[in-house]
């Protein structure tokens, strides 16, 4: 019996969020089912085309965090 996988399951597999059992089953199914392989390949291409998110805090945010950390460290040594 051939198991059917949803696009959601393929996305989880693509992002390595499946269990070991699911990973094996999906990997095997992709190798055996041409249609599933095509769907997975389309998801891989779509993932590559997504913009890469870059998060960088502002200098003022970093300064506030460092200041808070320094103040907290000073308070701990006095207690």
N, C-alpha and C. Protein backbone atom coordinates (compact mmCIF):
# COMPACT_ATOMS: atom_id res chain seq x y z
N UNK A 1 0.84 -1.19 0.00
CA UNK A 1 0.00 0.00 0.00
C UNK A 1 0.88 1.25 0.00
N UNK A 2 0.59 2.14 -0.91
CA UNK A 2 1.36 3.38 -1.01
C UNK A 2 0.70 4.45 -0.15
N UNK A 3 1.50 5.06 0.70
CA UNK A 3 0.98 6.08 1.61
C UNK A 3 0.97 7.43 0.90
N UNK A 4 -0.09 8.18 1.09
CA UNK A 4 -0.19 9.52 0.51
C UNK A 4 0.29 10.53 1.52
N UNK A 5 1.10 11.48 1.07
CA UNK A 5 1.59 12.53 1.94
C UNK A 5 1.03 13.87 1.48
N UNK A 6 0.70 14.71 2.45
CA UNK A 6 0.16 16.03 2.15
C UNK A 6 1.30 17.00 1.87
N UNK A 7 0.95 18.13 1.28
CA UNK A 7 1.96 19.17 1.05
C UNK A 7 2.53 19.66 2.38
N UNK A 8 1.68 19.70 3.41
CA UNK A 8 2.14 20.12 4.72
C UNK A 8 3.22 19.18 5.24
N UNK A 9 3.04 17.89 5.04
CA UNK A 9 4.04 16.91 5.46
C UNK A 9 5.33 17.08 4.65
N UNK A 10 5.20 17.39 3.36
CA UNK A 10 6.38 17.61 2.53
C UNK A 10 7.14 18.86 2.97
N UNK A 11 6.41 19.89 3.37
CA UNK A 11 7.05 21.11 3.86
C UNK A 11 7.80 20.82 5.16
N UNK A 12 7.17 20.07 6.05
CA UNK A 12 7.85 19.69 7.29
C UNK A 12 9.12 18.90 6.98
N UNK A 13 9.04 18.00 6.01
CA UNK A 13 10.21 17.21 5.60
C UNK A 13 11.28 18.12 5.02
N UNK A 14 10.88 19.07 4.20
CA UNK A 14 11.80 20.02 3.58
C UNK A 14 12.57 20.81 4.63
N UNK A 15 11.89 21.19 5.70
CA UNK A 15 12.52 21.97 6.76
C UNK A 15 13.06 21.08 7.90
N UNK A 16 13.14 19.78 7.64
CA UNK A 16 13.68 18.81 8.61
C UNK A 16 12.95 18.85 9.95
N UNK A 17 11.62 18.89 9.87
CA UNK A 17 10.79 18.93 11.07
C UNK A 17 9.95 17.67 11.23
N UNK A 18 10.34 16.61 10.55
CA UNK A 18 9.62 15.34 10.66
C UNK A 18 10.37 14.41 11.59
N UNK A 19 9.63 13.47 12.16
CA UNK A 19 10.26 12.46 13.01
C UNK A 19 11.12 11.54 12.14
N UNK A 20 11.94 10.74 12.77
CA UNK A 20 12.80 9.81 12.03
C UNK A 20 11.96 8.85 11.17
N UNK A 21 10.86 8.39 11.73
CA UNK A 21 9.98 7.46 11.01
C UNK A 21 9.35 8.15 9.80
N UNK A 22 8.83 9.37 10.02
CA UNK A 22 8.23 10.13 8.92
C UNK A 22 9.27 10.44 7.84
N UNK A 23 10.46 10.82 8.27
CA UNK A 23 11.53 11.16 7.33
C UNK A 23 11.83 9.97 6.42
N UNK A 24 11.98 8.80 7.02
CA UNK A 24 12.25 7.60 6.22
C UNK A 24 11.12 7.30 5.24
N UNK A 25 9.89 7.37 5.73
CA UNK A 25 8.73 7.06 4.89
C UNK A 25 8.60 8.06 3.74
N UNK A 26 8.78 9.35 4.04
CA UNK A 26 8.64 10.36 2.99
C UNK A 26 9.79 10.23 1.99
N UNK A 27 10.99 10.04 2.47
CA UNK A 27 12.15 9.88 1.59
C UNK A 27 11.93 8.72 0.62
N UNK A 28 11.48 7.63 1.16
CA UNK A 28 11.21 6.44 0.33
C UNK A 28 10.11 6.72 -0.68
N UNK A 29 9.05 7.38 -0.23
CA UNK A 29 7.93 7.68 -1.12
C UNK A 29 8.35 8.63 -2.25
N UNK A 30 9.18 9.62 -1.92
CA UNK A 30 9.66 10.56 -2.94
C UNK A 30 10.47 9.81 -4.00
N UNK A 31 11.26 8.84 -3.57
CA UNK A 31 12.07 8.07 -4.52
C UNK A 31 11.24 7.13 -5.39
N UNK A 32 10.07 6.73 -4.90
CA UNK A 32 9.23 5.76 -5.62
C UNK A 32 8.10 6.40 -6.41
N UNK A 33 7.65 7.58 -6.00
CA UNK A 33 6.47 8.21 -6.61
C UNK A 33 6.88 9.46 -7.38
N UNK A 34 6.78 9.37 -8.70
CA UNK A 34 7.20 10.48 -9.55
C UNK A 34 6.42 11.75 -9.24
N UNK A 35 5.11 11.65 -9.05
CA UNK A 35 4.29 12.84 -8.76
C UNK A 35 4.71 13.50 -7.44
N UNK A 36 4.95 12.68 -6.43
CA UNK A 36 5.38 13.21 -5.14
C UNK A 36 6.76 13.86 -5.26
N UNK A 37 7.62 13.25 -6.04
CA UNK A 37 8.95 13.80 -6.28
C UNK A 37 8.84 15.17 -6.95
N UNK A 38 7.94 15.30 -7.90
CA UNK A 38 7.72 16.59 -8.59
C UNK A 38 7.20 17.65 -7.61
N UNK A 39 6.28 17.26 -6.74
CA UNK A 39 5.75 18.20 -5.75
C UNK A 39 6.86 18.66 -4.81
N UNK A 40 7.68 17.73 -4.37
CA UNK A 40 8.78 18.05 -3.46
C UNK A 40 9.78 18.98 -4.14
N UNK A 41 10.10 18.70 -5.38
CA UNK A 41 11.03 19.54 -6.13
C UNK A 41 10.48 20.97 -6.27
N UNK A 42 9.19 21.09 -6.52
CA UNK A 42 8.56 22.41 -6.63
C UNK A 42 8.66 23.17 -5.30
N UNK A 43 8.49 22.45 -4.19
CA UNK A 43 8.62 23.08 -2.87
C UNK A 43 10.06 23.52 -2.61
N UNK A 44 11.02 22.72 -3.05
CA UNK A 44 12.43 23.09 -2.88
C UNK A 44 12.75 24.37 -3.65
N UNK A 45 12.25 24.47 -4.86
CA UNK A 45 12.46 25.67 -5.68
C UNK A 45 11.80 26.88 -5.04
N UNK A 46 10.59 26.69 -4.55
CA UNK A 46 9.88 27.79 -3.89
C UNK A 46 10.65 28.26 -2.66
N UNK A 47 11.20 27.33 -1.89
CA UNK A 47 11.96 27.68 -0.69
C UNK A 47 13.19 28.50 -1.06
N UNK A 48 13.86 28.13 -2.13
CA UNK A 48 15.05 28.84 -2.57
C UNK A 48 14.72 30.27 -3.00
N UNK A 49 13.50 30.49 -3.47
CA UNK A 49 13.11 31.80 -3.96
C UNK A 49 12.60 32.72 -2.85
N UNK A 50 12.38 32.17 -1.66
CA UNK A 50 11.94 33.01 -0.55
C UNK A 50 13.06 33.96 -0.16
N UNK A 51 12.70 35.20 0.19
CA UNK A 51 13.74 36.13 0.63
C UNK A 51 14.34 35.65 1.94
N UNK A 52 15.61 35.86 2.08
CA UNK A 52 16.29 35.47 3.31
C UNK A 52 16.09 36.57 4.34
N UNK A 53 15.52 36.22 5.47
CA UNK A 53 15.27 37.20 6.53
C UNK A 53 16.57 37.43 7.30
N UNK A 54 16.88 38.68 7.49
CA UNK A 54 18.06 39.05 8.25
C UNK A 54 17.59 39.94 9.39
N UNK A 55 17.89 39.52 10.59
CA UNK A 55 17.48 40.28 11.76
C UNK A 55 18.71 40.87 12.42
N UNK A 56 18.67 42.17 12.58
CA UNK A 56 19.79 42.83 13.23
C UNK A 56 19.22 43.92 14.13
N UNK A 57 19.45 43.82 15.43
CA UNK A 57 18.92 44.83 16.34
C UNK A 57 19.62 46.17 16.13
N UNK A 58 18.93 47.23 16.48
CA UNK A 58 19.52 48.56 16.37
C UNK A 58 20.63 48.71 17.41
N UNK A 59 21.53 49.66 17.18
CA UNK A 59 22.61 49.91 18.14
C UNK A 59 22.06 50.30 19.51
N UNK A 60 20.97 51.08 19.50
CA UNK A 60 20.40 51.50 20.79
C UNK A 60 19.85 50.30 21.56
N UNK A 61 19.27 49.33 20.87
CA UNK A 61 18.77 48.12 21.54
C UNK A 61 19.92 47.34 22.15
N UNK A 62 20.99 47.19 21.40
CA UNK A 62 22.15 46.47 21.92
C UNK A 62 22.71 47.20 23.13
N UNK A 63 22.78 48.54 23.04
CA UNK A 63 23.32 49.33 24.15
C UNK A 63 22.47 49.17 25.41
N UNK A 64 21.14 49.17 25.24
CA UNK A 64 20.24 49.00 26.39
C UNK A 64 20.43 47.63 27.03
N UNK A 65 20.58 46.60 26.21
CA UNK A 65 20.77 45.24 26.72
C UNK A 65 22.09 45.15 27.49
N UNK A 66 23.16 45.70 26.90
CA UNK A 66 24.45 45.65 27.58
C UNK A 66 24.43 46.45 28.87
N UNK A 67 23.76 47.58 28.85
CA UNK A 67 23.66 48.41 30.05
C UNK A 67 22.89 47.67 31.15
N UNK A 68 21.77 47.07 30.77
CA UNK A 68 20.97 46.31 31.74
C UNK A 68 21.79 45.15 32.31
N UNK A 69 22.53 44.47 31.44
CA UNK A 69 23.35 43.35 31.88
C UNK A 69 24.42 43.81 32.87
N UNK A 70 25.06 44.93 32.55
CA UNK A 70 26.10 45.46 33.44
C UNK A 70 25.50 45.87 34.77
N UNK A 71 24.34 46.52 34.76
CA UNK A 71 23.69 46.94 36.01
C UNK A 71 23.26 45.74 36.84
N UNK A 72 22.76 44.72 36.20
CA UNK A 72 22.33 43.52 36.90
C UNK A 72 23.53 42.81 37.50
N UNK A 73 24.63 42.75 36.79
CA UNK A 73 25.84 42.10 37.31
C UNK A 73 26.37 42.84 38.53
N UNK A 74 26.31 44.16 38.53
CA UNK A 74 26.77 44.96 39.67
C UNK A 74 25.87 44.73 40.87
N UNK A 75 24.56 44.67 40.62
CA UNK A 75 23.61 44.46 41.72
C UNK A 75 23.83 43.10 42.35
N UNK A 76 24.11 42.10 41.60
CA UNK A 76 24.30 40.75 42.12
C UNK A 76 25.54 40.66 43.00
N UNK A 77 26.58 41.38 42.67
CA UNK A 77 27.80 41.30 43.46
C UNK A 77 27.65 42.01 44.81
N UNK A 78 26.68 42.94 44.91
CA UNK A 78 26.46 43.66 46.16
C UNK A 78 25.50 42.94 47.10
N UNK A 79 24.80 41.90 46.62
CA UNK A 79 23.81 41.19 47.45
C UNK A 79 24.42 40.09 48.19
